[in-house]
């Protein structure tokens, strides 16, 4: 089994294995779920943005960290 889940693409990473795609899909599903939950009780667009920010930033940061560790950039 390949240890490489992502490949570096500019400043970001692209998934190159099933595990990489699974991580991206789970992160996207989490972000969509939090958007729906926060937007249900928001009164404006800025309420929604302020509400999802504390969830999306750590989720995307963790995905980027995992991608960095599971790519060739992390094995140098």
C-alpha atoms as a PDB file:
ATOM      1  CA  UNK A   1       0.000   0.000   0.000  1.00  0.00           C
ATOM      2  CA  UNK A   2       1.304   3.390  -0.952  1.00  0.00           C
ATOM      3  CA  UNK A   3       2.113   5.767   1.877  1.00  0.00           C
ATOM      4  CA  UNK A   4       1.627   8.720  -0.435  1.00  0.00           C
ATOM      5  CA  UNK A   5      -1.934  10.095  -0.200  1.00  0.00           C
ATOM      6  CA  UNK A   6      -1.313  13.526  -1.739  1.00  0.00           C
ATOM      7  CA  UNK A   7       1.072  15.224  -4.142  1.00  0.00           C
ATOM      8  CA  UNK A   8       2.178  18.803  -3.822  1.00  0.00           C
ATOM      9  CA  UNK A   9       0.515  21.213  -6.228  1.00  0.00           C
ATOM     10  CA  UNK A  10       1.764  24.745  -5.786  1.00  0.00           C
ATOM     11  CA  UNK A  11       1.051  25.753  -2.201  1.00  0.00           C
ATOM     12  CA  UNK A  12      -1.615  23.094  -1.809  1.00  0.00           C
ATOM     13  CA  UNK A  13      -1.977  19.347  -2.332  1.00  0.00           C
ATOM     14  CA  UNK A  14      -3.952  17.073  -4.641  1.00  0.00           C
ATOM     15  CA  UNK A  15      -5.213  13.665  -3.508  1.00  0.00           C
ATOM     16  CA  UNK A  16      -3.600  10.777  -5.398  1.00  0.00           C
ATOM     17  CA  UNK A  17      -4.979   7.786  -3.487  1.00  0.00           C
ATOM     18  CA  UNK A  18      -8.263   6.519  -2.122  1.00  0.00           C
ATOM     19  CA  UNK A  19      -7.294   7.594   1.404  1.00  0.00           C
ATOM     20  CA  UNK A  20      -6.507  11.108   0.196  1.00  0.00           C
ATOM     21  CA  UNK A  21      -9.873  11.403  -1.548  1.00  0.00           C
ATOM     22  CA  UNK A  22     -11.606  10.028   1.541  1.00  0.00           C
ATOM     23  CA  UNK A  23      -9.967  12.701   3.705  1.00  0.00           C
ATOM     24  CA  UNK A  24     -11.060  15.435   1.279  1.00  0.00           C
ATOM     25  CA  UNK A  25     -14.625  14.102   1.042  1.00  0.00           C
ATOM     26  CA  UNK A  26     -14.980  13.780   4.824  1.00  0.00           C
ATOM     27  CA  UNK A  27     -13.680  17.323   5.332  1.00  0.00           C
ATOM     28  CA  UNK A  28     -16.056  18.676   2.674  1.00  0.00           C
ATOM     29  CA  UNK A  29     -18.978  16.793   4.241  1.00  0.00           C
ATOM     30  CA  UNK A  30     -18.108  18.236   7.656  1.00  0.00           C
ATOM     31  CA  UNK A  31     -17.935  21.766   6.220  1.00  0.00           C
ATOM     32  CA  UNK A  32     -21.270  21.351   4.432  1.00  0.00           C
ATOM     33  CA  UNK A  33     -22.894  19.983   7.580  1.00  0.00           C
ATOM     34  CA  UNK A  34     -21.663  22.871   9.726  1.00  0.00           C
ATOM     35  CA  UNK A  35     -22.789  25.365   7.069  1.00  0.00           C
ATOM     36  CA  UNK A  36     -26.324  23.961   7.074  1.00  0.00           C
ATOM     37  CA  UNK A  37     -26.468  23.869  10.887  1.00  0.00           C
ATOM     38  CA  UNK A  38     -25.161  27.418  11.304  1.00  0.00           C
ATOM     39  CA  UNK A  39     -27.134  28.902   8.412  1.00  0.00           C
ATOM     40  CA  UNK A  40     -30.389  27.519   9.828  1.00  0.00           C
ATOM     41  CA  UNK A  41     -30.148  29.954  12.754  1.00  0.00           C
ATOM     42  CA  UNK A  42     -28.417  32.887  11.050  1.00  0.00           C
ATOM     43  CA  UNK A  43     -30.094  36.169  10.208  1.00  0.00           C
ATOM     44  CA  UNK A  44     -27.629  37.370   7.594  1.00  0.00           C
ATOM     45  CA  UNK A  45     -24.714  36.345   5.445  1.00  0.00           C
ATOM     46  CA  UNK A  46     -22.234  37.775   7.936  1.00  0.00           C
ATOM     47  CA  UNK A  47     -23.835  35.726  10.737  1.00  0.00           C
ATOM     48  CA  UNK A  48     -23.283  32.593   8.664  1.00  0.00           C
ATOM     49  CA  UNK A  49     -19.678  33.483   7.858  1.00  0.00           C
ATOM     50  CA  UNK A  50     -18.880  34.294  11.489  1.00  0.00           C
ATOM     51  CA  UNK A  51     -20.576  31.060  12.539  1.00  0.00           C
ATOM     52  CA  UNK A  52     -18.757  28.684  10.196  1.00  0.00           C
ATOM     53  CA  UNK A  53     -15.332  30.298  10.551  1.00  0.00           C
ATOM     54  CA  UNK A  54     -14.426  28.585  13.874  1.00  0.00           C
ATOM     55  CA  UNK A  55     -15.232  25.186  12.342  1.00  0.00           C
ATOM     56  CA  UNK A  56     -13.930  25.534   8.806  1.00  0.00           C
ATOM     57  CA  UNK A  57     -10.509  27.011   9.548  1.00  0.00           C
ATOM     58  CA  UNK A  58      -9.377  24.191  11.881  1.00  0.00           C
ATOM     59  CA  UNK A  59     -10.912  21.520   9.618  1.00  0.00           C
ATOM     60  CA  UNK A  60      -9.139  22.833   6.534  1.00  0.00           C
ATOM     61  CA  UNK A  61      -5.956  23.398   8.536  1.00  0.00           C
ATOM     62  CA  UNK A  62      -5.975  19.793   9.734  1.00  0.00           C
ATOM     63  CA  UNK A  63      -6.606  18.560   6.174  1.00  0.00           C
ATOM     64  CA  UNK A  64      -3.661  20.636   4.934  1.00  0.00           C
ATOM     65  CA  UNK A  65      -1.459  19.304   7.744  1.00  0.00           C
ATOM     66  CA  UNK A  66      -2.420  15.691   6.949  1.00  0.00           C
ATOM     67  CA  UNK A  67      -1.795  16.310   3.257  1.00  0.00           C
ATOM     68  CA  UNK A  68       1.638  17.701   4.054  1.00  0.00           C
ATOM     69  CA  UNK A  69       2.523  14.701   6.205  1.00  0.00           C
ATOM     70  CA  UNK A  70       1.183  12.167   3.705  1.00  0.00           C
ATOM     71  CA  UNK A  71       2.906  13.584   0.635  1.00  0.00           C
ATOM     72  CA  UNK A  72       6.506  13.464  -0.535  1.00  0.00           C
ATOM     73  CA  UNK A  73       7.060  16.892   1.001  1.00  0.00           C
ATOM     74  CA  UNK A  74       6.825  15.323   4.452  1.00  0.00           C
ATOM     75  CA  UNK A  75       9.483  12.666   3.746  1.00  0.00           C
ATOM     76  CA  UNK A  76      12.415  14.932   2.874  1.00  0.00           C
END
